Every structure is written in C-alpha cells, then in structure tokens.
Amino acid sequence: MVLKRPLGEVEEEEDGSCKLVNYKSKQKLVSSKNVMHGFSSQELASTLEPLIRRWVRDEVQLVCQRLCSSSPRSTFGMLESRDTTSFQLHFQTKLPQMLFTGSKVESEDNTAVKLVLFDTNNHRIVSTGLLSSLKIHFVPLDGDFTVDDDEDWSQKDFEAKVIYARDGKRPLLAGDLVTVLKDGVSDLGDVFFTDNSSWRRSRTFRLGARAVSGVRIREAISEPFVVKDQRGESYKKHHPPALDDDIWRLEKIAKDGAFHKRLGSNRICTVKHLLQIYVTNESSLRKILGGSSNKTWETIIKHVKDCVLDDSLYVYNCMAEGIGLLFNSIFYIVGATFDGLSYSSLDKLQVIRRFVRFHPVF
C-alpha cells in the first residue's frame, strides 16, 4: 500500500542520530509502532540504518572504555593524580672526578654505577609496580648544571642542559645508553664518552638519566667530572695506589718531574719503596722532597696511605733463640714471637708491656 502523504520525515541531528518528525505536531515519535507505521520495507531500512549504526557505535565505545579502564595505562592515570615529583632517579654510587675517552664509566671504587628509583615521600626504593621496571635513557649533561638533591627542576630545565657532539665528532656518549629497571634498580652498562670536556665553559660534564614514562619522574644527575683524552690515561693517578705502582702514580709527583727524579736517585721507585722509608725514616724522606710545601707533603702522604697492603710478612730474629719481631711489607712492626712458632699481635704486646710496667719482677 502506497501512502499519498507520508506521516512524517526522518531528520538527521548533529550527532549523527535520527528522529522521525510528525508534520502536524512536530513532536518526536518514540513508539516503535509509530516509527514503522506507514513505511515500505525500503523506507523502513533507510530509516533504521542510521539508528542501528548509532547503537553499534555506542556499544563499541562502551567496550573500549571497559578495556581501557583495566589496562596498565589506567595505572599511570591514577599516578598522575598524585604528586609525581616525589619519584626521583638517583645515582647511588659516586663517579670519579676524572674519566678518559673510550673508557667505561665506572664508580670511584671501579664498580658498576648503580641507578635507583626513589619515592622521596617514604625514602624507599620503588621495588614493585609498573614504575619499578621503567626504561631509562642515559644522556650527557653540561657540568654547569647546578643542582641540589632537595631542589626540584623541570623537565625543560633538564633538557636544556643535555649537550651534543661537536661538529664532525661522534655522538658524545656511546654504548649501552638504554637500560630497564629491575625492582627499581639497574647498573650502568658499557657506557663511555667519545670526546674530552675541555671545550665546555665549565670544562666538565655530568651524566644524566631520564625515565621513559607517562608521569613526571625527576631525573638523576651525577656530580661534575673532567673527561680527558685517552692518551692522557697513561699519566693517570691511581686511587688507591698499589704497592708496585710507579712513584709518579701518586698525587703531586709528576712523571719525569723534579720529585720523581729526586726519589729515583735515592732508589725510591715504587709506592712500596716510599712507604718503607716513610715508616722507617720520615725525616729523610722529607729531606729528599726538600722544597715541597706542607700542603704538597700532606697530599702525597695522604694518597700513599690509601695503598692496600699485601699479606707479606718479615721476621727479624733477635740474639735470644726463638725471639723475633714481625714486620709487614712496608716495615711496620705488627707482632712478635717468643718461641719461634707462634706470634702475638702488637695489641697483645701492648697489654703485656703495661702489665710488666706496673708489676715489675725482682
């Protein structure tokens, strides 16, 4: 049956939905009977198609919202509502004051540089949750980036201090520049500088670490350090020095310099030799280094005392049978023997001496 005049017409709204409007009343027909009444199958299909499209779209959006609410990204959304600047990356080990191009960046004690993620609200490492396994990028920073552990800086401030290679040079920092935290902790891999720091106004670099995250995490910034060319490593001072190190490995004693030549002419060629004469005849050593200031002398002695001694021991036998003194490798007395078999430490000898002093034997 064909109607001479339709009951109404379908009007499309701004949001893509449709409504059926009656010519007489101009009111929306919400009843399903009113919608279908008087339409052919073709007219009904063309009328319902946009409505079905809208229903499908709404259902898809609803499912997507449910999926998103259970995804890891929602956790970051929750974190954004709190004070995210309480999270901070931190170099737990200290870098040396001097590095060399091409050499692995290590801590002062020659161990791996350790990076941790702290929550400054409770002063603990973030060892669980999504943040405990973040991806970290290491970058070179200008040494004049003045920061304080208690001071906050913006991401923009940090990015402004990232430095890049000079023209025609390799990337300034190379190696394993990306790591992933494990339980909030990670060690710096094989990372090295390719250029010295002499071209910077501060003449120093810093090492920085930034997190790849959807939340604000304060970056890690090391202390400033000097980077010298690899060829200068052959003149590097050793910290701590070893007994068999050449004497010029000590601070204030330059290779082929005046002190080096004076000491060599007195058969003091290694750190061990210098320690031995310092223990047995300090005034003689000071005379050999004549002309040195008190500050220079104190610097040399402070450095040489950092030397790690070996386990070598020497025995000086006295006239009486079985009695002897025990010395270490730098001729410092460490004990004595009274039977040639067992030894008493210096601490025990001091106790015996006090006992004899107050209880003399007649």
Protein backbone atom coordinates (compact mmCIF):
# COMPACT_ATOMS: atom_id res chain seq x y z
CA MET A 1 0.00 0.00 0.00
CA VAL A 2 1.43 3.34 -1.00
CA LEU A 3 0.59 6.39 1.10
CA LYS A 4 -0.33 9.54 -0.72
CA ARG A 5 1.35 11.57 2.02
CA PRO A 6 3.92 10.26 4.49
CA LEU A 7 3.19 10.58 8.15
CA GLY A 8 6.46 12.41 8.61
CA GLU A 9 10.08 12.52 7.59
CA VAL A 10 13.41 11.47 9.05
CA GLU A 11 15.67 14.32 10.13
CA GLU A 12 19.34 13.81 10.94
CA GLU A 13 20.68 15.50 14.08
CA GLU A 14 24.19 16.97 14.60
CA ASP A 15 25.46 13.90 16.49
CA GLY A 16 24.55 11.59 13.60
CA SER A 17 21.34 10.27 15.18
CA CYS A 18 17.97 10.41 13.55
CA LYS A 19 14.46 11.34 14.60
CA LEU A 20 11.10 10.91 12.98
CA VAL A 21 9.11 14.13 12.97
CA ASN A 22 5.34 14.33 12.53
CA TYR A 23 4.24 17.10 10.19
CA LYS A 24 1.27 18.11 12.30
CA SER A 25 2.62 18.10 15.82
CA LYS A 26 6.40 18.34 15.06
CA GLN A 27 6.92 16.01 18.02
CA LYS A 28 9.37 13.09 18.12
CA LEU A 29 7.71 9.73 17.66
CA VAL A 30 9.32 7.46 20.19
CA SER A 31 6.99 4.49 19.85
CA SER A 32 8.23 1.64 17.68
CA LYS A 33 4.74 1.30 16.21
CA ASN A 34 4.81 4.96 15.13
CA VAL A 35 8.25 4.51 13.58
CA MET A 36 7.23 1.53 11.46
CA HIS A 37 3.67 2.58 10.64
CA GLY A 38 3.16 3.59 7.05
CA PHE A 39 6.68 2.71 5.78
CA SER A 40 7.61 0.35 2.99
CA SER A 41 10.42 -2.12 3.61
CA GLN A 42 12.84 0.11 1.68
CA GLU A 43 11.77 3.20 3.62
CA LEU A 44 11.99 1.29 6.90
CA ALA A 45 15.51 0.09 6.12
CA SER A 46 16.71 3.55 5.21
CA THR A 47 15.15 4.87 8.42
CA LEU A 48 16.59 2.25 10.77
CA GLU A 49 20.11 2.10 9.27
CA PRO A 50 21.40 5.29 10.96
CA LEU A 51 19.80 4.24 14.25
CA ILE A 52 21.49 0.84 14.13
CA ARG A 53 24.81 2.47 13.25
CA ARG A 54 24.49 4.67 16.32
CA TRP A 55 23.65 1.72 18.59
CA VAL A 56 26.68 -0.23 17.28
CA ARG A 57 28.95 2.78 17.74
CA ASP A 58 27.78 3.31 21.32
CA GLU A 59 28.30 -0.35 22.19
CA VAL A 60 31.82 -0.38 20.70
CA GLN A 61 32.75 2.75 22.65
CA LEU A 62 31.42 1.19 25.85
CA VAL A 63 33.52 -1.96 25.35
CA CYS A 64 36.61 0.13 24.61
CA GLN A 65 36.11 2.15 27.78
CA ARG A 66 35.89 -1.05 29.82
CA LEU A 67 39.09 -2.39 28.27
CA CYS A 68 40.95 0.87 28.84
CA SER A 69 39.89 1.01 32.47
CA SER A 70 41.59 -2.34 33.10
CA SER A 71 44.77 -1.62 31.07
CA PRO A 72 48.18 -0.64 32.56
CA ARG A 73 47.73 2.86 31.17
CA SER A 74 44.97 3.47 33.70
CA THR A 75 47.51 2.94 36.46
CA PHE A 76 49.57 5.81 35.09
CA GLY A 77 46.41 7.89 35.05
CA MET A 78 46.00 7.21 38.77
CA LEU A 79 49.62 8.16 39.37
CA GLU A 80 49.14 11.46 37.57
CA SER A 81 46.66 12.50 40.23
CA ARG A 82 49.32 12.32 42.97
CA ASP A 83 52.49 14.31 43.47
CA THR A 84 54.54 12.56 40.80
CA THR A 85 57.62 14.66 41.51
CA SER A 86 58.12 12.52 44.60
CA PHE A 87 59.62 9.92 42.27
CA GLN A 88 63.30 10.51 41.58
CA LEU A 89 66.09 8.63 39.85
CA HIS A 90 69.35 8.69 41.77
CA PHE A 91 72.94 7.56 41.16
CA GLN A 92 73.66 5.56 44.30
CA THR A 93 77.41 5.32 43.62
CA LYS A 94 79.70 8.28 43.08
CA LEU A 95 81.57 8.81 39.83
CA PRO A 96 85.31 9.67 39.87
CA GLN A 97 86.43 13.25 39.35
CA MET A 98 88.23 12.28 36.15
CA LEU A 99 87.34 9.97 33.25
CA PHE A 100 89.02 9.21 29.94
CA THR A 101 87.55 8.99 26.46
CA GLY A 102 86.82 5.45 25.37
CA SER A 103 86.99 4.11 28.92
CA LYS A 104 83.94 2.61 30.61
CA VAL A 105 82.20 4.95 33.03
CA GLU A 106 82.57 3.35 36.47
CA SER A 107 82.25 4.48 40.07
CA GLU A 108 85.11 5.70 42.25
CA ASP A 109 85.83 2.18 43.51
CA ASN A 110 85.86 0.77 39.96
CA THR A 111 82.48 -0.95 40.33
CA ALA A 112 79.39 -0.51 38.18
CA VAL A 113 77.47 2.75 38.60
CA LYS A 114 74.19 1.89 40.33
CA LEU A 115 70.95 3.70 39.49
CA VAL A 116 67.83 3.50 41.69
CA LEU A 117 64.31 4.92 41.62
CA PHE A 118 63.31 6.52 44.93
CA ASP A 119 59.98 7.60 46.29
CA THR A 120 61.01 10.64 48.32
CA ASN A 121 57.76 10.53 50.29
CA ASN A 122 58.88 7.43 52.18
CA HIS A 123 62.61 7.44 51.28
CA ARG A 124 62.42 3.95 49.81
CA ILE A 125 63.32 2.34 46.51
CA VAL A 126 60.29 1.76 44.28
CA SER A 127 60.72 -2.03 44.05
CA THR A 128 57.20 -3.02 42.96
CA GLY A 129 54.61 -1.84 40.47
CA LEU A 130 54.92 -0.53 36.93
CA LEU A 131 57.47 2.15 37.80
CA SER A 132 59.91 -0.46 39.15
CA SER A 133 60.56 -1.68 35.59
CA LEU A 134 60.79 1.58 33.65
CA LYS A 135 63.02 2.09 30.63
CA ILE A 136 65.88 4.55 31.31
CA HIS A 137 67.94 6.65 28.89
CA PHE A 138 71.41 7.96 29.78
CA VAL A 139 72.47 11.35 28.39
CA PRO A 140 75.48 13.69 28.71
CA LEU A 141 74.90 16.95 30.57
CA ASP A 142 76.84 20.17 30.88
CA GLY A 143 78.87 20.34 34.07
CA ASP A 144 77.50 23.79 34.92
CA PHE A 145 74.05 22.31 35.66
CA THR A 146 73.91 23.45 39.29
CA VAL A 147 71.50 21.23 41.21
CA ASP A 148 70.73 20.18 44.74
CA ASP A 149 69.15 16.92 45.90
CA ASP A 150 66.47 18.93 47.70
CA GLU A 151 65.89 21.21 44.73
CA ASP A 152 63.30 20.41 42.09
CA TRP A 153 63.89 21.21 38.45
CA SER A 154 61.56 20.94 35.50
CA GLN A 155 61.92 18.60 32.59
CA LYS A 156 62.57 21.66 30.44
CA ASP A 157 65.50 22.68 32.68
CA PHE A 158 66.97 19.20 32.34
CA GLU A 159 66.59 19.05 28.56
CA ALA A 160 68.24 22.46 28.23
CA LYS A 161 71.43 21.05 29.77
CA VAL A 162 71.69 17.99 27.53
CA ILE A 163 74.72 18.50 25.29
CA TYR A 164 75.56 17.10 21.89
CA ALA A 165 78.73 16.31 19.99
CA ARG A 166 80.85 18.96 18.34
CA ASP A 167 80.58 19.26 14.56
CA GLY A 168 82.27 16.38 12.81
CA LYS A 169 82.54 14.32 16.01
CA ARG A 170 80.91 11.04 17.00
CA PRO A 171 77.95 11.08 19.41
CA LEU A 172 79.30 12.42 22.70
CA LEU A 173 78.03 9.49 24.77
CA ALA A 174 78.10 5.98 23.32
CA GLY A 175 77.48 2.39 24.37
CA ASP A 176 74.56 0.92 26.30
CA LEU A 177 72.54 4.12 26.64
CA VAL A 178 69.26 2.36 27.43
CA THR A 179 68.54 0.13 30.41
CA VAL A 180 65.47 -1.24 32.18
CA LEU A 181 64.99 -1.07 35.92
CA LYS A 182 64.56 -4.36 37.74
CA ASP A 183 62.82 -3.95 41.09
CA GLY A 184 63.67 -0.25 40.86
CA VAL A 185 67.43 -0.81 40.42
CA SER A 186 69.82 -1.03 37.46
CA ASP A 187 73.56 -0.95 36.80
CA LEU A 188 75.11 1.27 34.15
CA GLY A 189 76.34 -0.89 31.28
CA ASP A 190 79.25 -0.30 28.92
CA VAL A 191 78.93 3.49 28.51
CA PHE A 192 81.78 5.81 27.51
CA PHE A 193 82.49 9.36 26.34
CA THR A 194 84.00 9.93 22.90
CA ASP A 195 85.26 13.48 23.41
CA ASN A 196 87.00 15.42 26.17
CA SER A 197 85.29 18.13 28.21
CA SER A 198 87.82 20.92 27.60
CA TRP A 199 85.55 22.68 25.07
CA ARG A 200 82.83 23.38 27.63
CA ARG A 201 82.92 26.60 29.64
CA SER A 202 82.84 24.60 32.88
CA ARG A 203 85.36 22.14 31.39
CA THR A 204 83.29 19.36 32.91
CA PHE A 205 80.44 17.00 32.08
CA ARG A 206 77.74 15.34 34.15
CA LEU A 207 75.92 12.10 33.49
CA GLY A 208 72.13 12.21 33.43
CA ALA A 209 69.43 9.53 33.46
CA ARG A 210 65.81 10.12 32.48
CA ALA A 211 62.83 7.78 32.56
CA VAL A 212 60.58 6.93 29.62
CA SER A 213 57.23 7.28 31.36
CA GLY A 214 53.86 8.92 31.19
CA VAL A 215 54.39 10.50 34.60
CA ARG A 216 56.84 13.11 35.83
CA ILE A 217 59.91 11.48 37.36
CA ARG A 218 62.80 13.69 38.41
CA GLU A 219 65.96 12.80 36.54
CA ALA A 220 69.24 11.54 38.04
CA ILE A 221 72.20 13.90 37.76
CA SER A 222 75.76 12.96 38.71
CA GLU A 223 78.46 15.15 40.19
CA PRO A 224 80.57 17.04 37.60
CA PHE A 225 83.72 15.35 36.30
CA VAL A 226 86.51 16.06 33.85
CA VAL A 227 86.91 13.92 30.74
CA LYS A 228 90.39 13.76 29.21
CA ASP A 229 91.62 12.19 26.00
CA GLN A 230 92.60 8.52 26.13
CA ARG A 231 96.27 9.31 25.59
CA GLY A 232 96.31 11.06 28.97
CA GLU A 233 95.38 7.83 30.77
CA SER A 234 99.00 6.69 30.71
CA TYR A 235 99.68 9.52 33.20
CA LYS A 236 96.64 8.76 35.34
CA LYS A 237 96.99 8.76 39.12
CA HIS A 238 95.82 5.57 40.79
CA HIS A 239 93.18 5.65 43.51
CA PRO A 240 94.03 3.74 45.56
CA PRO A 241 97.67 3.20 44.61
CA ALA A 242 99.18 -0.30 44.54
CA LEU A 243 102.46 -1.27 46.19
CA ASP A 244 104.15 -1.94 42.86
CA ASP A 245 102.87 1.26 41.18
CA ASP A 246 105.48 3.67 39.86
CA ILE A 247 106.06 6.52 42.27
CA TRP A 248 104.67 9.10 39.82
CA ARG A 249 101.22 7.48 40.15
CA LEU A 250 100.95 9.43 43.41
CA GLU A 251 99.41 12.89 43.58
CA LYS A 252 101.86 15.82 43.32
CA ILE A 253 104.60 13.63 41.81
CA ALA A 254 104.74 14.27 38.07
CA LYS A 255 106.25 11.73 35.70
CA ASP A 256 109.85 12.81 34.95
CA GLY A 257 109.31 15.80 37.22
CA ALA A 258 111.63 17.12 39.94
CA PHE A 259 110.22 14.93 42.74
CA HIS A 260 110.26 11.86 40.50
CA LYS A 261 113.95 12.37 39.68
CA ARG A 262 114.96 13.05 43.30
CA LEU A 263 113.21 9.98 44.59
CA GLY A 264 114.63 7.85 41.78
CA SER A 265 118.19 8.96 42.57
CA ASN A 266 117.62 7.65 46.11
CA ARG A 267 116.33 4.30 44.80
CA ILE A 268 112.74 5.13 45.69
CA CYS A 269 110.97 3.98 42.54
CA THR A 270 107.68 2.47 43.69
CA VAL A 271 104.90 3.23 46.14
CA LYS A 272 106.21 0.39 48.31
CA HIS A 273 109.67 1.98 48.49
CA LEU A 274 108.23 5.32 49.54
CA LEU A 275 106.07 3.74 52.27
CA GLN A 276 109.04 1.79 53.63
CA ILE A 277 111.21 4.88 54.03
CA TYR A 278 108.27 6.88 55.39
CA VAL A 279 107.78 4.27 58.15
CA THR A 280 111.49 3.84 58.96
CA ASN A 281 112.88 7.35 58.39
CA GLU A 282 110.25 10.01 57.79
CA SER A 283 112.65 12.93 58.21
CA SER A 284 114.91 11.52 55.50
CA LEU A 285 112.02 11.30 53.08
CA ARG A 286 111.01 14.87 53.85
CA LYS A 287 114.57 15.95 53.16
CA ILE A 288 114.58 14.20 49.77
CA LEU A 289 111.42 16.11 48.91
CA GLY A 290 113.01 19.32 50.14
CA GLY A 291 111.35 22.46 48.90
CA SER A 292 107.87 20.99 48.98
CA SER A 293 105.22 22.90 50.86
CA ASN A 294 103.37 21.42 53.81
CA LYS A 295 100.25 21.09 51.65
CA THR A 296 102.15 19.15 48.96
CA TRP A 297 103.70 16.86 51.58
CA GLU A 298 100.33 16.19 53.21
CA THR A 299 98.74 15.44 49.83
CA ILE A 300 101.45 12.90 48.92
CA ILE A 301 101.31 11.16 52.31
CA LYS A 302 97.51 11.08 52.39
CA HIS A 303 97.44 9.45 48.97
CA VAL A 304 100.16 6.90 49.68
CA LYS A 305 98.43 5.84 52.91
CA ASP A 306 95.43 4.76 50.85
CA CYS A 307 97.57 1.95 49.43
CA VAL A 308 96.22 -1.54 50.07
CA LEU A 309 98.97 -3.68 51.61
CA ASP A 310 99.64 -7.31 50.73
CA ASP A 311 99.99 -10.21 53.16
CA SER A 312 103.79 -10.36 53.08
CA LEU A 313 105.47 -10.61 56.49
CA TYR A 314 109.13 -10.38 57.54
CA VAL A 315 110.81 -11.68 60.69
CA TYR A 316 113.77 -10.10 62.42
CA ASN A 317 115.42 -12.66 64.70
CA CYS A 318 116.93 -11.37 67.91
CA MET A 319 120.03 -12.70 69.67
CA ALA A 320 117.97 -14.85 72.02
CA GLU A 321 116.86 -18.08 70.40
CA GLY A 322 113.22 -18.16 69.29
CA ILE A 323 112.61 -14.44 69.83
CA GLY A 324 111.85 -12.25 66.82
CA LEU A 325 109.93 -9.23 65.57
CA LEU A 326 107.30 -9.46 62.85
CA PHE A 327 107.05 -6.72 60.16
CA ASN A 328 104.66 -6.18 57.26
CA SER A 329 105.70 -5.32 53.69
CA ILE A 330 106.36 -1.64 54.50
CA PHE A 331 108.48 -2.46 57.60
CA TYR A 332 105.83 -1.60 60.15
CA ILE A 333 106.02 -3.81 63.24
CA VAL A 334 102.87 -5.89 63.64
CA GLY A 335 103.84 -8.53 66.21
CA ALA A 336 106.48 -10.66 67.89
CA THR A 337 107.34 -14.29 68.61
CA PHE A 338 108.90 -15.65 71.78
CA ASP A 339 109.20 -19.28 70.77
CA GLY A 340 109.75 -19.10 67.04
CA LEU A 341 106.42 -20.83 66.38
CA SER A 342 103.50 -18.67 67.48
CA TYR A 343 103.16 -14.92 67.09
CA SER A 344 101.48 -12.27 69.20
CA SER A 345 99.93 -9.19 67.61
CA LEU A 346 101.04 -5.69 68.50
CA ASP A 347 97.86 -5.12 70.51
CA LYS A 348 98.66 -8.06 72.79
CA LEU A 349 102.22 -6.88 73.20
CA GLN A 350 100.96 -3.53 74.45
CA VAL A 351 98.90 -5.31 77.11
CA ILE A 352 101.95 -7.30 78.23
CA ARG A 353 104.07 -4.15 78.38
CA ARG A 354 101.55 -2.41 80.63
CA PHE A 355 101.40 -5.45 82.88
CA VAL A 356 105.19 -5.56 83.27
CA ARG A 357 105.37 -1.83 83.90
CA PHE A 358 103.06 -1.95 86.88
CA HIS A 359 104.12 -5.39 88.15
CA PRO A 360 107.90 -5.48 87.89
CA VAL A 361 109.63 -8.76 88.59
CA PHE A 362 112.54 -8.60 91.06
